[in-house]
C-alpha atoms as a PDB file:
ATOM      1  CA  MET A   1      -0.234  17.697  -7.629  1.00  0.00           C
ATOM      2  CA  THR A   2      -3.862  17.461  -7.653  1.00  0.00           C
ATOM      3  CA  THR A   3      -6.179  14.504  -8.489  1.00  0.00           C
ATOM      4  CA  ALA A   4      -7.013  15.875 -12.009  1.00  0.00           C
ATOM      5  CA  ASP A   5      -2.927  16.615 -12.751  1.00  0.00           C
ATOM      6  CA  LYS A   6      -1.927  12.947 -12.095  1.00  0.00           C
ATOM      7  CA  GLY A   7      -2.691  11.808 -15.513  1.00  0.00           C
ATOM      8  CA  TYR A   8      -5.304   9.206 -14.859  1.00  0.00           C
ATOM      9  CA  ALA A   9      -7.568   7.402 -17.377  1.00  0.00           C
ATOM     10  CA  HIS A  10     -10.803   8.330 -15.121  1.00  0.00           C
ATOM     11  CA  PRO A  11      -9.746  11.368 -12.665  1.00  0.00           C
ATOM     12  CA  GLU A  12     -13.622  11.280 -11.978  1.00  0.00           C
ATOM     13  CA  ALA A  13     -13.182   8.111  -9.793  1.00  0.00           C
ATOM     14  CA  LEU A  14     -10.881  10.013  -7.347  1.00  0.00           C
ATOM     15  CA  VAL A  15     -11.794  12.968  -5.102  1.00  0.00           C
ATOM     16  CA  SER A  16      -9.461  14.742  -2.723  1.00  0.00           C
ATOM     17  CA  THR A  17      -9.988  15.619   0.856  1.00  0.00           C
ATOM     18  CA  GLU A  18     -10.579  19.027  -0.436  1.00  0.00           C
ATOM     19  CA  TRP A  19     -13.391  18.195  -2.506  1.00  0.00           C
ATOM     20  CA  VAL A  20     -14.672  16.089   0.517  1.00  0.00           C
ATOM     21  CA  ALA A  21     -14.574  18.922   2.795  1.00  0.00           C
ATOM     22  CA  ALA A  22     -16.336  21.213   0.291  1.00  0.00           C
ATOM     23  CA  HIS A  23     -19.358  18.702   0.057  1.00  0.00           C
ATOM     24  CA  LEU A  24     -19.898  17.466   3.321  1.00  0.00           C
ATOM     25  CA  GLN A  25     -23.437  19.260   3.331  1.00  0.00           C
ATOM     26  CA  ASP A  26     -24.289  18.182  -0.090  1.00  0.00           C
ATOM     27  CA  PRO A  27     -27.205  16.027   0.155  1.00  0.00           C
ATOM     28  CA  MET A  28     -26.425  14.230  -3.378  1.00  0.00           C
ATOM     29  CA  VAL A  29     -23.219  13.152  -1.690  1.00  0.00           C
ATOM     30  CA  ARG A  30     -23.132  10.389   0.684  1.00  0.00           C
ATOM     31  CA  LEU A  31     -19.762   9.413   2.633  1.00  0.00           C
ATOM     32  CA  ILE A  32     -19.205   5.768   3.503  1.00  0.00           C
ATOM     33  CA  GLU A  33     -16.454   4.758   5.825  1.00  0.00           C
ATOM     34  CA  SER A  34     -15.569   1.245   5.563  1.00  0.00           C
ATOM     35  CA  ASN A  35     -12.853  -0.556   7.443  1.00  0.00           C
ATOM     36  CA  GLU A  36     -11.672  -3.962   8.649  1.00  0.00           C
ATOM     37  CA  ASP A  37     -12.262  -3.120  12.430  1.00  0.00           C
ATOM     38  CA  PRO A  38     -15.768  -1.894  12.631  1.00  0.00           C
ATOM     39  CA  LEU A  39     -14.926  -0.312  15.659  1.00  0.00           C
ATOM     40  CA  VAL A  40     -12.540   2.498  14.123  1.00  0.00           C
ATOM     41  CA  TYR A  41     -15.803   4.241  12.865  1.00  0.00           C
ATOM     42  CA  PRO A  42     -17.384   5.181  16.189  1.00  0.00           C
ATOM     43  CA  SER A  43     -13.946   6.364  17.663  1.00  0.00           C
ATOM     44  CA  GLY A  44     -14.173   9.013  15.056  1.00  0.00           C
ATOM     45  CA  HIS A  45     -15.040   9.542  11.660  1.00  0.00           C
ATOM     46  CA  VAL A  46     -15.512  12.166   8.673  1.00  0.00           C
ATOM     47  CA  PRO A  47     -18.471  14.190   9.672  1.00  0.00           C
ATOM     48  CA  GLY A  48     -21.656  13.104   7.941  1.00  0.00           C
ATOM     49  CA  ALA A  49     -20.167   9.693   7.023  1.00  0.00           C
ATOM     50  CA  VAL A  50     -22.019   6.400   7.721  1.00  0.00           C
ATOM     51  CA  GLN A  51     -20.404   2.946   7.924  1.00  0.00           C
ATOM     52  CA  ILE A  52     -20.660  -0.182   6.189  1.00  0.00           C
ATOM     53  CA  ASP A  53     -19.372  -2.768   7.743  1.00  0.00           C
ATOM     54  CA  TRP A  54     -18.173  -5.442   4.900  1.00  0.00           C
ATOM     55  CA  THR A  55     -18.710  -8.660   7.015  1.00  0.00           C
ATOM     56  CA  THR A  56     -22.340  -7.849   7.961  1.00  0.00           C
ATOM     57  CA  ASP A  57     -23.559  -5.195   5.510  1.00  0.00           C
ATOM     58  CA  LEU A  58     -22.208  -6.751   2.175  1.00  0.00           C
ATOM     59  CA  ASN A  59     -21.584 -10.621   2.643  1.00  0.00           C
ATOM     60  CA  ASP A  60     -24.177 -13.206   2.958  1.00  0.00           C
ATOM     61  CA  GLN A  61     -24.433 -14.577   6.399  1.00  0.00           C
ATOM     62  CA  VAL A  62     -24.502 -18.357   5.539  1.00  0.00           C
ATOM     63  CA  ARG A  63     -23.107 -18.785   1.994  1.00  0.00           C
ATOM     64  CA  ARG A  64     -19.706 -17.720   0.982  1.00  0.00           C
ATOM     65  CA  ASP A  65     -21.023 -15.170  -1.418  1.00  0.00           C
ATOM     66  CA  TYR A  66     -22.390 -11.519  -1.259  1.00  0.00           C
ATOM     67  CA  ILE A  67     -25.755 -10.356  -0.428  1.00  0.00           C
ATOM     68  CA  SER A  68     -28.968 -10.309  -2.504  1.00  0.00           C
ATOM     69  CA  ALA A  69     -30.071  -7.679  -4.761  1.00  0.00           C
ATOM     70  CA  ASP A  70     -33.033  -7.154  -2.602  1.00  0.00           C
ATOM     71  CA  ALA A  71     -30.904  -6.906   0.712  1.00  0.00           C
ATOM     72  CA  PHE A  72     -28.447  -4.463  -1.058  1.00  0.00           C
ATOM     73  CA  ALA A  73     -31.523  -2.032  -1.851  1.00  0.00           C
ATOM     74  CA  GLN A  74     -32.586  -2.249   1.585  1.00  0.00           C
ATOM     75  CA  LEU A  75     -29.008  -1.432   2.654  1.00  0.00           C
ATOM     76  CA  LEU A  76     -28.912   1.500   0.445  1.00  0.00           C
ATOM     77  CA  SER A  77     -32.302   2.860   1.332  1.00  0.00           C
ATOM     78  CA  ARG A  78     -31.626   2.693   5.207  1.00  0.00           C
ATOM     79  CA  LEU A  79     -28.315   4.670   4.592  1.00  0.00           C
ATOM     80  CA  GLY A  80     -30.499   7.221   2.670  1.00  0.00           C
ATOM     81  CA  ILE A  81     -28.811   6.561  -0.490  1.00  0.00           C
ATOM     82  CA  ALA A  82     -31.105   6.898  -3.843  1.00  0.00           C
ATOM     83  CA  ASN A  83     -30.341   5.746  -7.224  1.00  0.00           C
ATOM     84  CA  ASP A  84     -28.666   9.330  -8.306  1.00  0.00           C
ATOM     85  CA  THR A  85     -26.574   9.556  -5.146  1.00  0.00           C
ATOM     86  CA  THR A  86     -22.691  10.086  -5.464  1.00  0.00           C
ATOM     87  CA  VAL A  87     -21.384   7.549  -3.040  1.00  0.00           C
ATOM     88  CA  VAL A  88     -17.845   8.302  -1.756  1.00  0.00           C
ATOM     89  CA  PHE A  89     -15.928   5.647  -0.142  1.00  0.00           C
ATOM     90  CA  TYR A  90     -12.959   5.926   2.343  1.00  0.00           C
ATOM     91  CA  GLY A  91     -11.296   3.880   5.211  1.00  0.00           C
ATOM     92  CA  ASP A  92      -8.148   2.991   6.867  1.00  0.00           C
ATOM     93  CA  ARG A  93      -5.283   0.968   5.594  1.00  0.00           C
ATOM     94  CA  ASN A  94      -4.986   2.889   2.533  1.00  0.00           C
ATOM     95  CA  ASN A  95      -8.607   2.224   1.020  1.00  0.00           C
ATOM     96  CA  TRP A  96      -8.445  -1.637   1.034  1.00  0.00           C
ATOM     97  CA  TRP A  97     -11.953  -1.625   2.155  1.00  0.00           C
ATOM     98  CA  ALA A  98     -13.007   1.301   0.605  1.00  0.00           C
ATOM     99  CA  CYS A  99     -12.201   0.074  -2.769  1.00  0.00           C
ATOM    100  CA  TYR A 100     -13.268  -3.715  -1.593  1.00  0.00           C
ATOM    101  CA  SER A 101     -17.178  -1.745  -1.012  1.00  0.00           C
ATOM    102  CA  LEU A 102     -17.053   0.228  -4.075  1.00  0.00           C
ATOM    103  CA  TRP A 103     -16.215  -3.181  -5.894  1.00  0.00           C
ATOM    104  CA  VAL A 104     -19.277  -4.566  -4.575  1.00  0.00           C
ATOM    105  CA  PHE A 105     -21.385  -1.655  -5.468  1.00  0.00           C
ATOM    106  CA  HIS A 106     -20.359  -2.243  -8.948  1.00  0.00           C
ATOM    107  CA  LEU A 107     -21.530  -5.913  -8.559  1.00  0.00           C
ATOM    108  CA  PHE A 108     -25.134  -4.185  -8.324  1.00  0.00           C
ATOM    109  CA  GLY A 109     -24.806  -1.609 -10.879  1.00  0.00           C
ATOM    110  CA  HIS A 110     -24.338   1.527  -8.562  1.00  0.00           C
ATOM    111  CA  THR A 111     -21.274   2.850 -10.529  1.00  0.00           C
ATOM    112  CA  ASN A 112     -21.862   6.449  -9.427  1.00  0.00           C
ATOM    113  CA  VAL A 113     -18.919   6.027  -6.871  1.00  0.00           C
ATOM    114  CA  ARG A 114     -15.674   7.592  -5.970  1.00  0.00           C
ATOM    115  CA  ILE A 115     -12.996   6.815  -3.572  1.00  0.00           C
ATOM    116  CA  MET A 116     -11.509   9.806  -1.242  1.00  0.00           C
ATOM    117  CA  ASP A 117      -7.816   9.699  -2.060  1.00  0.00           C
ATOM    118  CA  GLY A 118      -5.749   8.600   0.754  1.00  0.00           C
ATOM    119  CA  GLY A 119      -8.725   7.885   2.982  1.00  0.00           C
ATOM    120  CA  ARG A 120      -8.605   8.470   6.824  1.00  0.00           C
ATOM    121  CA  LEU A 121      -4.647   8.872   6.613  1.00  0.00           C
ATOM    122  CA  LYS A 122      -4.901  12.046   4.289  1.00  0.00           C
ATOM    123  CA  TRP A 123      -7.845  13.332   5.891  1.00  0.00           C
ATOM    124  CA  GLU A 124      -6.292  13.229   9.496  1.00  0.00           C
ATOM    125  CA  LYS A 125      -2.718  14.391   8.119  1.00  0.00           C
ATOM    126  CA  ASP A 126      -4.537  17.359   6.634  1.00  0.00           C
ATOM    127  CA  GLY A 127      -6.004  18.150  10.152  1.00  0.00           C
ATOM    128  CA  ARG A 128      -9.414  18.019   9.198  1.00  0.00           C
ATOM    129  CA  PRO A 129     -12.055  17.054  12.191  1.00  0.00           C
ATOM    130  CA  LEU A 130     -13.519  13.731  12.757  1.00  0.00           C
ATOM    131  CA  THR A 131     -16.613  13.063  15.030  1.00  0.00           C
ATOM    132  CA  ARG A 132     -18.224  10.613  17.128  1.00  0.00           C
ATOM    133  CA  GLU A 133     -21.913  11.750  15.806  1.00  0.00           C
ATOM    134  CA  VAL A 134     -23.577   9.116  13.941  1.00  0.00           C
ATOM    135  CA  PRO A 135     -25.755  10.710  11.252  1.00  0.00           C
ATOM    136  CA  ALA A 136     -29.395   9.799  10.560  1.00  0.00           C
ATOM    137  CA  TYR A 137     -30.609  10.491   6.927  1.00  0.00           C
ATOM    138  CA  PRO A 138     -34.405   9.734   5.662  1.00  0.00           C
ATOM    139  CA  ALA A 139     -34.763   6.555   4.293  1.00  0.00           C
ATOM    140  CA  THR A 140     -35.038   6.064   0.357  1.00  0.00           C
ATOM    141  CA  THR A 141     -36.728   3.807  -2.132  1.00  0.00           C
ATOM    142  CA  TYR A 142     -33.610   2.199  -3.875  1.00  0.00           C
ATOM    143  CA  ALA A 143     -34.765   0.547  -6.896  1.00  0.00           C
ATOM    144  CA  LEU A 144     -32.431  -1.806  -8.563  1.00  0.00           C
ATOM    145  CA  ALA A 145     -32.218  -2.457 -12.435  1.00  0.00           C
ATOM    146  CA  GLY A 146     -32.026  -6.433 -12.058  1.00  0.00           C
ATOM    147  CA  ALA A 147     -30.102  -9.230 -10.248  1.00  0.00           C
ATOM    148  CA  ARG A 148     -26.596  -8.625  -9.419  1.00  0.00           C
ATOM    149  CA  HIS A 149     -24.332  -8.745 -12.033  1.00  0.00           C
ATOM    150  CA  ASP A 150     -20.699 -10.389 -11.192  1.00  0.00           C
ATOM    151  CA  ALA A 151     -19.768 -11.265 -15.053  1.00  0.00           C
ATOM    152  CA  PRO A 152     -17.532  -8.071 -15.676  1.00  0.00           C
ATOM    153  CA  HIS A 153     -15.925  -7.337 -12.369  1.00  0.00           C
ATOM    154  CA  ARG A 154     -15.680 -10.547 -10.700  1.00  0.00           C
ATOM    155  CA  ALA A 155     -13.754 -13.976 -11.709  1.00  0.00           C
ATOM    156  CA  PHE A 156     -14.543 -17.433  -9.984  1.00  0.00           C
ATOM    157  CA  ARG A 157     -11.861 -20.084  -9.468  1.00  0.00           C
ATOM    158  CA  GLU A 158     -12.936 -22.142 -12.710  1.00  0.00           C
ATOM    159  CA  GLN A 159     -12.525 -18.886 -14.855  1.00  0.00           C
ATOM    160  CA  VAL A 160      -9.158 -18.243 -12.741  1.00  0.00           C
ATOM    161  CA  LEU A 161      -8.140 -21.822 -13.704  1.00  0.00           C
ATOM    162  CA  THR A 162      -9.200 -21.384 -17.448  1.00  0.00           C
ATOM    163  CA  HIS A 163      -7.429 -17.983 -17.492  1.00  0.00           C
ATOM    164  CA  MET A 164      -4.074 -19.407 -16.103  1.00  0.00           C
ATOM    165  CA  GLU A 165      -4.164 -22.359 -18.598  1.00  0.00           C
ATOM    166  CA  ALA A 166      -4.689 -19.949 -21.677  1.00  0.00           C
ATOM    167  CA  GLY A 167      -1.589 -17.723 -20.203  1.00  0.00           C
ATOM    168  CA  GLY A 168      -3.657 -14.685 -19.267  1.00  0.00           C
ATOM    169  CA  GLN A 169      -2.540 -11.924 -17.233  1.00  0.00           C
ATOM    170  CA  LEU A 170      -2.603 -12.524 -13.576  1.00  0.00           C
ATOM    171  CA  VAL A 171      -1.609  -9.998 -10.837  1.00  0.00           C
ATOM    172  CA  ASP A 172      -0.770 -11.080  -7.469  1.00  0.00           C
ATOM    173  CA  VAL A 173      -1.216  -8.108  -5.113  1.00  0.00           C
ATOM    174  CA  ARG A 174      -0.042  -9.825  -1.620  1.00  0.00           C
ATOM    175  CA  SER A 175       3.583  -9.431  -0.069  1.00  0.00           C
ATOM    176  CA  PRO A 176       6.668 -10.752  -1.567  1.00  0.00           C
ATOM    177  CA  ASP A 177       6.527 -13.458   1.234  1.00  0.00           C
ATOM    178  CA  GLU A 178       3.070 -14.551   0.573  1.00  0.00           C
ATOM    179  CA  PHE A 179       3.984 -14.836  -3.160  1.00  0.00           C
ATOM    180  CA  THR A 180       6.888 -17.046  -2.886  1.00  0.00           C
ATOM    181  CA  GLY A 181       5.111 -19.186  -0.231  1.00  0.00           C
ATOM    182  CA  ALA A 182       7.534 -18.391   2.686  1.00  0.00           C
ATOM    183  CA  LYS A 183       4.181 -17.254   4.707  1.00  0.00           C
ATOM    184  CA  LEU A 184       0.607 -18.096   4.237  1.00  0.00           C
ATOM    185  CA  HIS A 185      -0.974 -14.725   5.320  1.00  0.00           C
ATOM    186  CA  MET A 186       0.450 -11.237   6.123  1.00  0.00           C
ATOM    187  CA  ALA A 187       2.516 -10.209   9.039  1.00  0.00           C
ATOM    188  CA  GLU A 188       0.477  -9.919  12.103  1.00  0.00           C
ATOM    189  CA  TYR A 189      -2.708 -11.759  10.540  1.00  0.00           C
ATOM    190  CA  PRO A 190      -4.180 -14.886  11.375  1.00  0.00           C
ATOM    191  CA  ASN A 191      -4.103 -17.672   8.669  1.00  0.00           C
ATOM    192  CA  GLU A 192      -7.510 -17.427   7.101  1.00  0.00           C
ATOM    193  CA  GLY A 193      -7.581 -21.064   6.179  1.00  0.00           C
ATOM    194  CA  ALA A 194      -5.086 -21.480   3.238  1.00  0.00           C
ATOM    195  CA  LEU A 195      -3.131 -24.978   3.699  1.00  0.00           C
ATOM    196  CA  ARG A 196      -0.919 -24.242   0.897  1.00  0.00           C
ATOM    197  CA  GLY A 197       1.648 -21.339   0.236  1.00  0.00           C
ATOM    198  CA  GLY A 198       2.868 -20.245  -3.114  1.00  0.00           C
ATOM    199  CA  HIS A 199       0.966 -18.236  -6.222  1.00  0.00           C
ATOM    200  CA  ILE A 200      -1.009 -19.098  -9.006  1.00  0.00           C
ATOM    201  CA  PRO A 201       1.286 -20.231 -11.920  1.00  0.00           C
ATOM    202  CA  GLY A 202       2.069 -17.230 -14.132  1.00  0.00           C
ATOM    203  CA  ALA A 203       1.151 -14.901 -11.717  1.00  0.00           C
ATOM    204  CA  ARG A 204       3.087 -11.293 -11.778  1.00  0.00           C
ATOM    205  CA  SER A 205       3.800 -10.193  -7.846  1.00  0.00           C
ATOM    206  CA  VAL A 206       2.916  -6.526  -7.787  1.00  0.00           C
ATOM    207  CA  PRO A 207       2.214  -5.710  -4.145  1.00  0.00           C
ATOM    208  CA  TRP A 208      -0.669  -3.369  -3.898  1.00  0.00           C
ATOM    209  CA  ALA A 209       1.026  -0.746  -1.900  1.00  0.00           C
ATOM    210  CA  LYS A 210       3.553  -0.074  -4.566  1.00  0.00           C
ATOM    211  CA  ALA A 211       0.640   2.008  -6.075  1.00  0.00           C
ATOM    212  CA  VAL A 212       0.199   4.534  -3.005  1.00  0.00           C
ATOM    213  CA  ASP A 213       2.595   7.109  -1.535  1.00  0.00           C
ATOM    214  CA  PRO A 214       3.234   5.601   1.961  1.00  0.00           C
ATOM    215  CA  ASP A 215       3.362   9.145   3.522  1.00  0.00           C
ATOM    216  CA  ASP A 216      -0.339   9.954   3.019  1.00  0.00           C
ATOM    217  CA  GLY A 217      -1.717   6.768   1.086  1.00  0.00           C
ATOM    218  CA  THR A 218      -2.770   8.773  -1.917  1.00  0.00           C
ATOM    219  CA  PHE A 219      -2.309   6.945  -5.195  1.00  0.00           C
ATOM    220  CA  LYS A 220       0.811   7.680  -7.370  1.00  0.00           C
ATOM    221  CA  PRO A 221       0.557   9.546 -10.312  1.00  0.00           C
ATOM    222  CA  ALA A 222      -0.167   7.714 -13.864  1.00  0.00           C
ATOM    223  CA  ALA A 223       3.146   7.900 -15.196  1.00  0.00           C
ATOM    224  CA  GLU A 224       4.506   5.813 -12.277  1.00  0.00           C
ATOM    225  CA  LEU A 225       1.610   3.400 -11.901  1.00  0.00           C
ATOM    226  CA  ARG A 226       2.367   3.034 -15.723  1.00  0.00           C
ATOM    227  CA  ALA A 227       6.302   2.395 -15.062  1.00  0.00           C
ATOM    228  CA  LEU A 228       5.211  -0.362 -12.468  1.00  0.00           C
ATOM    229  CA  TYR A 229       2.625  -2.430 -13.986  1.00  0.00           C
ATOM    230  CA  GLN A 230       3.335  -1.962 -17.873  1.00  0.00           C
ATOM    231  CA  GLN A 231       7.053  -1.014 -18.505  1.00  0.00           C
ATOM    232  CA  GLU A 232       8.545  -3.210 -15.354  1.00  0.00           C
ATOM    233  CA  LYS A 233       5.573  -6.176 -15.319  1.00  0.00           C
ATOM    234  CA  GLY A 234       4.908  -6.056 -18.724  1.00  0.00           C
ATOM    235  CA  LEU A 235       0.993  -6.037 -18.373  1.00  0.00           C
ATOM    236  CA  ASP A 236      -1.017  -5.127 -21.491  1.00  0.00           C
ATOM    237  CA  PRO A 237      -4.039  -2.637 -20.783  1.00  0.00           C
ATOM    238  CA  SER A 238      -6.127  -4.515 -23.502  1.00  0.00           C
ATOM    239  CA  SER A 239      -5.506  -7.949 -22.326  1.00  0.00           C
ATOM    240  CA  GLU A 240      -8.031  -9.582 -19.791  1.00  0.00           C
ATOM    241  CA  THR A 241      -6.342  -9.403 -16.362  1.00  0.00           C
ATOM    242  CA  ILE A 242      -7.346 -10.813 -13.092  1.00  0.00           C
ATOM    243  CA  ALA A 243      -6.090  -9.839  -9.575  1.00  0.00           C
ATOM    244  CA  TYR A 244      -5.961 -11.796  -6.557  1.00  0.00           C
ATOM    245  CA  CYS A 245      -4.570 -11.487  -2.838  1.00  0.00           C
ATOM    246  CA  ARG A 246      -5.981 -13.784   0.034  1.00  0.00           C
ATOM    247  CA  ILE A 247      -9.724 -12.735   0.228  1.00  0.00           C
ATOM    248  CA  GLY A 248     -10.340 -10.036  -2.174  1.00  0.00           C
ATOM    249  CA  GLU A 249      -9.895  -6.870  -0.089  1.00  0.00           C
ATOM    250  CA  ARG A 250      -6.090  -5.977  -1.594  1.00  0.00           C
ATOM    251  CA  SER A 251      -6.716  -6.997  -4.890  1.00  0.00           C
ATOM    252  CA  SER A 252     -10.008  -4.955  -4.964  1.00  0.00           C
ATOM    253  CA  HIS A 253      -7.298  -2.094  -4.325  1.00  0.00           C
ATOM    254  CA  THR A 254      -5.443  -3.314  -7.173  1.00  0.00           C
ATOM    255  CA  TRP A 255      -8.309  -3.581  -9.291  1.00  0.00           C
ATOM    256  CA  PHE A 256      -9.454   0.059  -8.822  1.00  0.00           C
ATOM    257  CA  THR A 257      -5.984   1.023  -9.865  1.00  0.00           C
ATOM    258  CA  LEU A 258      -5.950  -0.901 -13.211  1.00  0.00           C
ATOM    259  CA  LYS A 259      -9.590  -0.019 -14.036  1.00  0.00           C
ATOM    260  CA  TYR A 260      -9.806   3.514 -13.401  1.00  0.00           C
ATOM    261  CA  LEU A 261      -6.158   5.118 -12.876  1.00  0.00           C
ATOM    262  CA  LEU A 262      -4.817   2.993 -15.783  1.00  0.00           C
ATOM    263  CA  GLY A 263      -7.972   2.546 -17.711  1.00  0.00           C
ATOM    264  CA  PHE A 264      -7.316  -1.451 -18.268  1.00  0.00           C
ATOM    265  CA  GLU A 265     -10.111  -2.305 -20.501  1.00  0.00           C
ATOM    266  CA  ASN A 266     -11.125  -5.935 -18.822  1.00  0.00           C
ATOM    267  CA  VAL A 267      -9.848  -6.403 -15.475  1.00  0.00           C
ATOM    268  CA  ARG A 268     -11.774  -8.558 -12.923  1.00  0.00           C
ATOM    269  CA  ASN A 269     -11.335  -9.608  -8.979  1.00  0.00           C
ATOM    270  CA  TYR A 270     -10.742 -13.151  -7.805  1.00  0.00           C
ATOM    271  CA  ASP A 271     -12.139 -12.362  -4.304  1.00  0.00           C
ATOM    272  CA  GLY A 272     -11.849 -16.217  -3.636  1.00  0.00           C
ATOM    273  CA  SER A 273      -8.212 -15.481  -3.864  1.00  0.00           C
ATOM    274  CA  TRP A 274      -5.392 -17.422  -2.023  1.00  0.00           C
ATOM    275  CA  THR A 275      -7.966 -18.208   0.808  1.00  0.00           C
ATOM    276  CA  GLU A 276      -9.591 -20.407  -1.882  1.00  0.00           C
ATOM    277  CA  TRP A 277      -6.876 -21.523  -4.209  1.00  0.00           C
ATOM    278  CA  GLY A 278      -4.555 -22.617  -1.550  1.00  0.00           C
ATOM    279  CA  ASN A 279      -7.021 -25.103  -0.203  1.00  0.00           C
ATOM    280  CA  LEU A 280      -8.511 -26.426  -3.730  1.00  0.00           C
ATOM    281  CA  VAL A 281      -7.685 -30.041  -4.679  1.00  0.00           C
ATOM    282  CA  GLY A 282      -5.777 -30.448  -8.097  1.00  0.00           C
ATOM    283  CA  VAL A 283      -5.032 -27.186  -8.900  1.00  0.00           C
ATOM    284  CA  PRO A 284      -1.385 -25.999  -9.604  1.00  0.00           C
ATOM    285  CA  VAL A 285       0.613 -24.153  -7.314  1.00  0.00           C
ATOM    286  CA  GLU A 286       3.991 -22.492  -7.801  1.00  0.00           C
ATOM    287  CA  LYS A 287       6.339 -21.379  -4.932  1.00  0.00           C
ATOM    288  CA  GLY A 288       9.422 -19.157  -5.306  1.00  0.00           C
ATOM    289  CA  PRO A 289      10.117 -15.592  -6.671  1.00  0.00           C
ATOM    290  CA  GLU A 290       9.031 -14.692 -10.358  1.00  0.00           C
ATOM    291  CA  ARG A 291      11.004 -15.976 -12.935  1.00  0.00           C
END
């Protein structure tokens, strides 16, 4: 089944590995690899791809926030990306960080973006080549229309609290053990500072990995996604929805799934997520499974 045959609300947001292979020399397309571990890229990457390190390229190095609009424009200019360039993201671990980087691009208004379905996992399973050659592209002069615009895509803690108190839709995309409070973090990962375990009251537990085929990392067809999010969990595509995880990377994957594949009209990512909520004084926390 091709991407176009899966019934997505916005099939143009995904491209296949076949599409990428056919556009490796397209000057209007820029491939970006974004991983949790920046050492993965130099070990071998899709030919022509550049790297974005989410920790140093996208995040402010002093404040817990993203870079300024000017810094974003400088980054894209350095990578040879113009305002009309189609940017295709891919990465490891089923594209968490690819979706995260795509989400950050939305904050700055660069919405001509795609995800390579299945990421590195699918590319390698297809037997396609990797290279260690780092490409160099002529710098551009990237022009932003204005300042960073978080409101349509990003939720802050006060907004999450108001949304929760109003009974709004919240999706916790972490593992079941994180949701119940049995664990403070993912298995084999360090605790990133949360002092309390559990979940935001009223949140529905839908681990991000349920949206993908475990064999090759590609997204499941829309009918299966609707059965999961809408029929099983009762989420309404027309209602405001906020997704969260621990620091916003897994929830950006679910944000992409809900927004682009299922056509949810108003979905935001709470990037503070449990690392912030689990440390806040006075906010409510629930433990245990969904009731």
